[in-house]
């Protein structure tokens, strides 16, 4: 059994990349399962790529590709049996670390007395298999939200410490990807225990495997593998370069400055006329962390609990204070989301809150594209007055 760390595992000294084959991937999953881990990875469910517990490597979405564009997502068959040829589906890994609904405490009534007990934190040893570079960046952002500062989220901290992360470098991009402009991908740079680059086609199906931590190196030592040759490394580099070079979307480089300088832009009303306030963008976003608290009782009133669940800044109740909602108009709610995500996140956490995964573009029912909206706000901004001196 691999030892668990108290937080993010320490980096390992640089070691040469190695190669495992398709059977080696199955052996990797089986090995980690035998060590007591539940392995969560991509598979096909409800017409999309979802992250669920794997029984074996046979559950992986072999041969499936995703087509994505604004307001559009579809799975199609690919030309080979690659298991990581898709990009990202509607689910982010935050659902593992920051569950959509979480019980905080439970209580029981016994006559006129009440007893309250904190909910037990469940944090089983867990492998995340197939984490993309943009998703690693998202996990790092949520680490800052939940683990840093004066208040640490105990549940998040426990689940985070129990993770073993296997990243996958992207070999293709969809039309909604823009991680290159956010400097978050498509190659995983940090934040993983192991990283895989899939090489499939031309009669081969291999994975270049690299260790990012000592725990990852320990696992590689227990696998059948061979040293990666120059041709393997060149093929892996070419795959990542192909994913980067085919991206067609990009976030304007000064999104933070553009938004902070145009809080009263007329374009907010224009985009609000199209926005449905459905909350899809915030639910699929891998970094959004808004939540609310509900008290729940049974019909008899003898058992009650307090639960935290995901919320969204697009709902009227999210900004409710005594007397009503602060953000009554759709324009103000969209502005809140976009300016927080791309501008004021820098003030709070030292980085953008966007990692360029493109989920909000694909899963917006009306196809609103945040890269296009930032560019439109910049284009609508009044020109700076000329110096007449």
Protein backbone atom coordinates (compact mmCIF):
# COMPACT_ATOMS: atom_id res chain seq x y z
CA UNK A 1 0.00 0.00 0.00
CA UNK A 2 1.34 3.43 -0.89
CA UNK A 3 1.75 5.86 1.95
CA UNK A 4 -0.66 8.78 2.05
CA UNK A 5 0.57 12.32 2.39
CA UNK A 6 -0.91 15.10 4.49
CA UNK A 7 -1.46 17.20 1.40
CA UNK A 8 -0.14 17.48 -2.12
CA UNK A 9 2.58 14.87 -2.61
CA UNK A 10 6.16 16.08 -2.87
CA UNK A 11 7.77 16.25 -6.28
CA UNK A 12 10.19 13.54 -7.33
CA UNK A 13 13.62 14.17 -8.75
CA UNK A 14 13.52 14.18 -12.55
CA UNK A 15 13.70 10.64 -13.90
CA UNK A 16 13.62 9.38 -17.47
CA UNK A 17 10.24 8.75 -19.06
CA UNK A 18 9.23 5.14 -19.66
CA UNK A 19 6.66 3.30 -21.76
CA UNK A 20 3.84 0.90 -20.90
CA UNK A 21 1.48 -0.75 -23.36
CA UNK A 22 -2.30 -1.06 -23.33
CA UNK A 23 -2.10 -4.11 -21.06
CA UNK A 24 0.20 -2.10 -18.81
CA UNK A 25 -2.55 0.49 -18.35
CA UNK A 26 -4.86 -2.25 -17.16
CA UNK A 27 -2.13 -3.51 -14.85
CA UNK A 28 -1.70 0.02 -13.45
CA UNK A 29 -5.40 0.24 -12.60
CA UNK A 30 -5.44 -3.23 -11.06
CA UNK A 31 -2.32 -2.51 -9.03
CA UNK A 32 -3.81 0.64 -7.52
CA UNK A 33 -7.07 -1.14 -6.79
CA UNK A 34 -5.18 -3.91 -5.01
CA UNK A 35 -3.51 -1.21 -2.93
CA UNK A 36 -6.92 -0.18 -1.64
CA UNK A 37 -7.70 2.72 -3.94
CA UNK A 38 -10.98 3.31 -5.70
CA UNK A 39 -10.07 4.38 -9.22
CA UNK A 40 -12.27 7.05 -10.80
CA UNK A 41 -11.82 7.58 -14.51
CA UNK A 42 -13.55 8.52 -17.76
CA UNK A 43 -16.24 6.34 -19.23
CA UNK A 44 -19.29 6.73 -21.44
CA UNK A 45 -22.54 7.52 -19.63
CA UNK A 46 -25.73 9.20 -20.85
CA UNK A 47 -24.12 10.14 -24.15
CA UNK A 48 -21.16 11.95 -22.59
CA UNK A 49 -17.79 11.31 -21.00
CA UNK A 50 -18.36 11.05 -17.24
CA UNK A 51 -16.03 10.38 -14.32
CA UNK A 52 -17.11 7.31 -12.39
CA UNK A 53 -15.51 4.43 -10.49
CA UNK A 54 -13.81 1.97 -12.84
CA UNK A 55 -14.15 -1.77 -12.40
CA UNK A 56 -11.27 -2.31 -14.82
CA UNK A 57 -9.57 -0.73 -17.81
CA UNK A 58 -12.34 -2.18 -19.97
CA UNK A 59 -14.63 0.59 -18.68
CA UNK A 60 -12.51 3.30 -20.32
CA UNK A 61 -14.08 4.96 -23.41
CA UNK A 62 -11.99 3.17 -26.05
CA UNK A 63 -12.54 4.56 -29.53
CA UNK A 64 -14.68 7.55 -28.55
CA UNK A 65 -14.10 11.17 -29.53
CA UNK A 66 -16.05 14.26 -28.51
CA UNK A 67 -17.30 16.99 -30.84
CA UNK A 68 -17.71 20.30 -29.04
CA UNK A 69 -18.69 23.79 -30.13
CA UNK A 70 -20.75 26.57 -28.52
CA UNK A 71 -23.93 24.96 -27.21
CA UNK A 72 -23.01 21.59 -28.71
CA UNK A 73 -21.52 18.34 -27.37
CA UNK A 74 -21.61 14.93 -29.02
CA UNK A 75 -19.68 11.66 -28.83
CA UNK A 76 -18.59 10.05 -32.10
CA UNK A 77 -16.49 7.04 -32.96
CA UNK A 78 -12.83 7.73 -33.61
CA UNK A 79 -10.43 6.07 -36.05
CA UNK A 80 -8.72 3.85 -33.47
CA UNK A 81 -9.07 2.37 -29.98
CA UNK A 82 -7.49 5.26 -28.07
CA UNK A 83 -8.97 5.50 -24.56
CA UNK A 84 -8.11 9.17 -23.91
CA UNK A 85 -8.86 10.67 -27.34
CA UNK A 86 -11.75 12.68 -25.87
CA UNK A 87 -11.14 15.98 -24.06
CA UNK A 88 -13.41 17.05 -21.16
CA UNK A 89 -17.04 16.21 -20.50
CA UNK A 90 -19.63 18.04 -18.39
CA UNK A 91 -18.25 16.83 -15.07
CA UNK A 92 -15.21 18.31 -13.39
CA UNK A 93 -13.10 16.62 -10.75
CA UNK A 94 -14.38 19.13 -8.20
CA UNK A 95 -17.36 16.83 -7.65
CA UNK A 96 -14.94 14.44 -5.91
CA UNK A 97 -13.25 17.05 -3.72
CA UNK A 98 -16.16 19.48 -3.30
CA UNK A 99 -19.30 17.30 -3.57
CA UNK A 100 -22.49 18.82 -5.01
CA UNK A 101 -24.26 18.04 -1.72
CA UNK A 102 -22.55 17.42 1.61
CA UNK A 103 -24.00 16.84 5.08
CA UNK A 104 -22.35 19.12 7.64
CA UNK A 105 -24.06 17.82 10.80
CA UNK A 106 -27.05 15.73 11.84
CA UNK A 107 -29.36 15.93 14.82
CA UNK A 108 -31.93 13.81 16.63
CA UNK A 109 -34.80 14.78 18.90
CA UNK A 110 -35.44 12.76 22.04
CA UNK A 111 -38.47 14.18 23.75
CA UNK A 112 -37.65 17.79 24.58
CA UNK A 113 -33.90 17.26 24.07
CA UNK A 114 -31.85 17.57 20.91
CA UNK A 115 -28.47 16.07 20.10
CA UNK A 116 -26.23 17.24 17.27
CA UNK A 117 -23.26 15.38 15.84
CA UNK A 118 -20.87 16.54 13.10
CA UNK A 119 -21.15 14.42 9.96
CA UNK A 120 -18.40 11.91 9.44
CA UNK A 121 -16.02 12.92 6.68
CA UNK A 122 -15.63 10.20 4.07
CA UNK A 123 -12.26 10.34 2.36
CA UNK A 124 -11.32 6.91 0.98
CA UNK A 125 -8.00 6.57 -0.89
CA UNK A 126 -8.90 7.63 -4.42
CA UNK A 127 -7.18 7.68 -7.79
CA UNK A 128 -8.20 10.28 -10.34
CA UNK A 129 -7.30 8.79 -13.73
CA UNK A 130 -7.27 10.95 -16.83
CA UNK A 131 -6.89 14.42 -15.32
CA UNK A 132 -6.14 16.97 -18.04
CA UNK A 133 -3.73 19.86 -17.63
CA UNK A 134 -6.55 22.41 -17.47
CA UNK A 135 -8.16 20.31 -14.72
CA UNK A 136 -4.92 20.11 -12.75
CA UNK A 137 -4.87 23.90 -12.87
CA UNK A 138 -8.47 23.94 -11.64
CA UNK A 139 -7.62 21.66 -8.70
CA UNK A 140 -4.73 23.97 -7.81
CA UNK A 141 -7.13 26.93 -7.83
CA UNK A 142 -9.61 25.15 -5.57
CA UNK A 143 -6.73 24.22 -3.26
CA UNK A 144 -6.17 27.94 -2.74
CA UNK A 145 -9.87 28.49 -2.05
CA UNK A 146 -10.36 25.64 0.42
CA UNK A 147 -6.93 25.00 1.94
CA UNK A 148 -5.25 28.38 2.25
CA UNK A 149 -6.05 31.30 4.50
CA UNK A 150 -7.45 31.38 8.01
CA UNK A 151 -10.19 28.84 7.39
CA UNK A 152 -9.52 25.38 5.97
CA UNK A 153 -12.37 23.20 4.73
CA UNK A 154 -11.86 19.96 6.69
CA UNK A 155 -13.75 17.76 4.23
CA UNK A 156 -11.88 19.10 1.21
CA UNK A 157 -8.55 18.76 3.03
CA UNK A 158 -9.24 15.11 3.93
CA UNK A 159 -10.32 14.18 0.41
CA UNK A 160 -7.40 16.07 -1.13
CA UNK A 161 -4.86 14.25 1.06
CA UNK A 162 -6.34 10.90 -0.03
CA UNK A 163 -5.78 11.53 -3.75
CA UNK A 164 -3.41 9.88 -6.20
CA UNK A 165 -3.57 11.78 -9.49
CA UNK A 166 -2.81 10.34 -12.92
CA UNK A 167 -2.73 13.08 -15.51
CA UNK A 168 -3.17 12.61 -19.25
CA UNK A 169 -1.56 14.97 -21.75
CA UNK A 170 -3.96 16.01 -24.49
CA UNK A 171 -3.27 14.83 -28.04
CA UNK A 172 -6.20 16.75 -29.54
CA UNK A 173 -8.30 19.80 -28.83
CA UNK A 174 -11.92 20.56 -29.58
CA UNK A 175 -13.12 23.91 -30.88
CA UNK A 176 -14.03 25.03 -27.35
CA UNK A 177 -10.57 24.52 -25.83
CA UNK A 178 -8.45 27.59 -25.09
CA UNK A 179 -5.99 26.36 -22.45
CA UNK A 180 -2.99 27.56 -24.46
CA UNK A 181 -4.04 31.20 -24.03
CA UNK A 182 -4.53 30.59 -20.29
CA UNK A 183 -1.09 28.91 -20.04
CA UNK A 184 -2.65 25.85 -18.41
CA UNK A 185 -2.17 23.16 -21.06
CA UNK A 186 -2.33 21.00 -23.04
CA UNK A 187 0.67 19.38 -21.32
CA UNK A 188 0.56 18.66 -17.59
CA UNK A 189 3.45 20.41 -15.88
CA UNK A 190 2.82 19.91 -12.17
CA UNK A 191 0.29 18.66 -9.64
CA UNK A 192 0.25 14.97 -10.60
CA UNK A 193 1.71 11.70 -9.32
CA UNK A 194 1.89 10.13 -12.78
CA UNK A 195 1.40 11.58 -16.26
CA UNK A 196 0.50 9.61 -19.39
CA UNK A 197 0.76 10.50 -23.06
CA UNK A 198 -1.20 8.09 -25.23
CA UNK A 199 0.36 6.98 -28.52
CA UNK A 200 -2.23 5.12 -30.58
CA UNK A 201 -2.28 4.31 -34.27
CA UNK A 202 0.00 2.86 -36.87
CA UNK A 203 -0.08 -0.55 -35.22
CA UNK A 204 0.88 0.62 -31.75
CA UNK A 205 -0.98 1.47 -28.55
CA UNK A 206 1.43 2.66 -25.88
CA UNK A 207 1.64 5.25 -23.13
CA UNK A 208 4.66 7.33 -22.26
CA UNK A 209 4.58 7.42 -18.46
CA UNK A 210 6.32 9.96 -16.23
CA UNK A 211 6.47 10.27 -12.45
CA UNK A 212 5.69 13.59 -10.80
CA UNK A 213 6.12 12.43 -7.18
CA UNK A 214 7.91 9.76 -5.19
CA UNK A 215 4.61 7.90 -4.86
CA UNK A 216 4.30 7.88 -8.62
CA UNK A 217 7.84 6.61 -9.02
CA UNK A 218 7.10 3.77 -6.61
CA UNK A 219 4.16 2.70 -8.76
CA UNK A 220 6.18 2.75 -11.98
CA UNK A 221 8.77 0.48 -10.38
CA UNK A 222 6.06 -2.17 -9.93
CA UNK A 223 4.97 -2.15 -13.59
CA UNK A 224 6.34 -3.92 -16.64
CA UNK A 225 7.78 -1.14 -18.75
CA UNK A 226 10.65 -0.15 -20.98
CA UNK A 227 12.70 2.99 -21.26
CA UNK A 228 11.27 5.62 -23.58
CA UNK A 229 13.39 6.02 -26.70
CA UNK A 230 13.89 9.17 -28.77
CA UNK A 231 11.08 8.12 -31.12
CA UNK A 232 8.68 7.69 -28.21
CA UNK A 233 9.51 11.10 -26.77
CA UNK A 234 9.23 12.72 -30.19
CA UNK A 235 5.82 11.13 -30.77
CA UNK A 236 4.61 12.28 -27.34
CA UNK A 237 5.84 15.82 -27.95
CA UNK A 238 4.21 15.87 -31.39
CA UNK A 239 0.89 14.74 -29.92
CA UNK A 240 0.87 17.60 -27.41
CA UNK A 241 1.98 20.11 -30.04
CA UNK A 242 -0.88 18.96 -32.28
CA UNK A 243 -3.37 19.65 -29.51
CA UNK A 244 -1.88 23.09 -28.90
CA UNK A 245 -1.59 24.14 -32.54
CA UNK A 246 -5.18 23.24 -33.43
CA UNK A 247 -6.83 25.46 -30.80
CA UNK A 248 -8.91 28.15 -32.47
CA UNK A 249 -10.13 30.05 -29.40
CA UNK A 250 -8.09 32.32 -27.17
CA UNK A 251 -8.81 34.52 -24.19
CA UNK A 252 -7.80 38.15 -24.83
CA UNK A 253 -4.48 38.60 -23.03
CA UNK A 254 -5.61 41.50 -20.81
CA UNK A 255 -9.01 40.12 -19.82
CA UNK A 256 -8.52 41.34 -16.24
CA UNK A 257 -7.84 44.92 -17.29
CA UNK A 258 -10.57 44.92 -19.94
CA UNK A 259 -13.27 43.87 -17.50
CA UNK A 260 -12.18 46.12 -14.63
CA UNK A 261 -12.17 49.12 -16.98
CA UNK A 262 -15.61 48.40 -18.45
CA UNK A 263 -17.93 47.61 -15.56
CA UNK A 264 -20.58 49.91 -17.07
CA UNK A 265 -20.24 48.66 -20.65
CA UNK A 266 -23.47 48.53 -22.65
CA UNK A 267 -22.44 45.06 -23.77
CA UNK A 268 -23.51 43.58 -20.42
CA UNK A 269 -27.12 44.20 -21.40
CA UNK A 270 -26.57 42.69 -24.82
CA UNK A 271 -25.15 39.42 -23.49
CA UNK A 272 -27.84 39.35 -20.78
CA UNK A 273 -30.49 39.39 -23.50
CA UNK A 274 -29.17 36.01 -24.64
CA UNK A 275 -28.28 34.50 -21.23
CA UNK A 276 -30.93 32.18 -19.76
CA UNK A 277 -29.55 32.40 -16.19
CA UNK A 278 -29.73 28.60 -16.23
CA UNK A 279 -26.51 28.23 -14.13
CA UNK A 280 -25.04 25.64 -16.52
CA UNK A 281 -21.77 27.54 -16.89
CA UNK A 282 -21.18 27.63 -13.14
CA UNK A 283 -22.16 23.99 -12.62
CA UNK A 284 -19.78 22.63 -15.26
CA UNK A 285 -16.98 25.05 -14.34
CA UNK A 286 -14.18 23.18 -12.54
CA UNK A 287 -13.30 26.17 -10.32
CA UNK A 288 -16.63 27.74 -9.28
CA UNK A 289 -17.11 27.23 -5.56
CA UNK A 290 -20.33 29.08 -4.61
CA UNK A 291 -22.48 27.15 -2.14
CA UNK A 292 -25.48 27.59 0.09
CA UNK A 293 -26.68 25.84 3.25
CA UNK A 294 -30.02 24.13 3.81
CA UNK A 295 -31.61 22.68 6.93
CA UNK A 296 -33.49 19.46 6.20
CA UNK A 297 -35.88 17.54 8.49
CA UNK A 298 -37.86 14.35 8.20
CA UNK A 299 -41.66 14.48 8.20
CA UNK A 300 -41.86 13.76 11.92
CA UNK A 301 -39.31 16.41 12.84
CA UNK A 302 -37.24 13.90 14.83
CA UNK A 303 -34.23 13.82 12.52
CA UNK A 304 -32.67 16.90 10.95
CA UNK A 305 -29.49 17.82 9.18
CA UNK A 306 -27.66 20.79 7.79
CA UNK A 307 -26.43 20.33 4.22
CA UNK A 308 -24.20 22.35 1.97
CA UNK A 309 -24.94 22.24 -1.74
CA UNK A 310 -23.62 23.94 -4.83
CA UNK A 311 -25.11 27.31 -5.64
CA UNK A 312 -24.61 29.79 -8.47
CA UNK A 313 -24.22 33.54 -8.71
CA UNK A 314 -26.80 33.38 -11.51
CA UNK A 315 -29.63 32.68 -9.08
CA UNK A 316 -31.62 35.49 -7.50
CA UNK A 317 -31.28 33.99 -4.03
CA UNK A 318 -27.50 33.92 -4.19
CA UNK A 319 -27.27 37.67 -3.56
CA UNK A 320 -30.31 37.86 -1.29
CA UNK A 321 -30.02 39.96 1.81
CA UNK A 322 -32.76 41.43 4.01
CA UNK A 323 -35.15 43.14 1.63
CA UNK A 324 -34.34 41.25 -1.56
CA UNK A 325 -31.66 40.31 -4.06
CA UNK A 326 -28.77 42.69 -4.70
CA UNK A 327 -28.45 41.53 -8.31
CA UNK A 328 -31.97 41.56 -9.70
CA UNK A 329 -31.05 41.93 -13.38
CA UNK A 330 -29.50 39.26 -15.57
CA UNK A 331 -26.87 41.75 -16.74
CA UNK A 332 -25.59 42.30 -13.20
CA UNK A 333 -25.47 38.56 -12.51
CA UNK A 334 -23.55 37.81 -15.72
CA UNK A 335 -21.19 40.70 -14.97
CA UNK A 336 -20.62 39.35 -11.46
CA UNK A 337 -19.71 35.91 -12.78
CA UNK A 338 -17.43 37.04 -15.60
CA UNK A 339 -15.61 39.80 -13.72
CA UNK A 340 -15.07 37.60 -10.68
CA UNK A 341 -13.86 34.68 -12.79
CA UNK A 342 -11.46 36.63 -15.00
CA UNK A 343 -10.62 39.80 -13.06
CA UNK A 344 -11.24 39.93 -9.32
CA UNK A 345 -10.10 36.33 -8.86
CA UNK A 346 -6.62 37.75 -9.40
CA UNK A 347 -7.14 40.03 -6.41
CA UNK A 348 -8.35 37.18 -4.19
CA UNK A 349 -6.23 34.23 -5.25
CA UNK A 350 -3.41 35.53 -7.42
CA UNK A 351 -4.56 33.92 -10.67
CA UNK A 352 -7.43 33.81 -13.11
CA UNK A 353 -10.37 31.65 -12.12
CA UNK A 354 -10.54 30.25 -15.66
CA UNK A 355 -8.33 27.44 -16.94
CA UNK A 356 -9.51 27.37 -20.57
CA UNK A 357 -11.31 24.01 -20.44
CA UNK A 358 -14.18 25.39 -22.56
CA UNK A 359 -16.95 23.61 -20.66
CA UNK A 360 -18.97 26.79 -20.15
CA UNK A 361 -18.92 27.38 -23.92
CA UNK A 362 -20.05 23.88 -24.89
CA UNK A 363 -22.70 23.51 -22.19
CA UNK A 364 -24.29 26.95 -22.53
CA UNK A 365 -27.68 26.24 -24.17
CA UNK A 366 -27.42 29.40 -26.28
CA UNK A 367 -23.70 29.05 -27.00
CA UNK A 368 -22.33 32.09 -25.17
CA UNK A 369 -18.55 32.11 -25.55
CA UNK A 370 -16.68 33.93 -22.77
CA UNK A 371 -13.63 34.56 -24.97
CA UNK A 372 -15.86 36.29 -27.54
CA UNK A 373 -17.69 38.27 -24.86
CA UNK A 374 -14.47 39.67 -23.40
CA UNK A 375 -13.34 40.63 -26.89
CA UNK A 376 -16.73 42.27 -27.56
CA UNK A 377 -16.52 44.27 -24.32
CA UNK A 378 -13.07 45.47 -25.35
CA UNK A 379 -14.33 46.41 -28.82
CA UNK A 380 -17.31 48.33 -27.37
CA UNK A 381 -15.14 50.32 -24.97
CA UNK A 382 -14.91 54.04 -25.77
CA UNK A 383 -11.61 55.12 -27.21
CA UNK A 384 -9.28 56.90 -24.82
CA UNK A 385 -9.19 60.66 -25.46
CA UNK A 386 -6.23 61.86 -27.49
CA UNK A 387 -3.69 64.13 -25.87
CA UNK A 388 -4.16 67.53 -27.55
CA UNK A 389 -0.89 68.96 -26.31
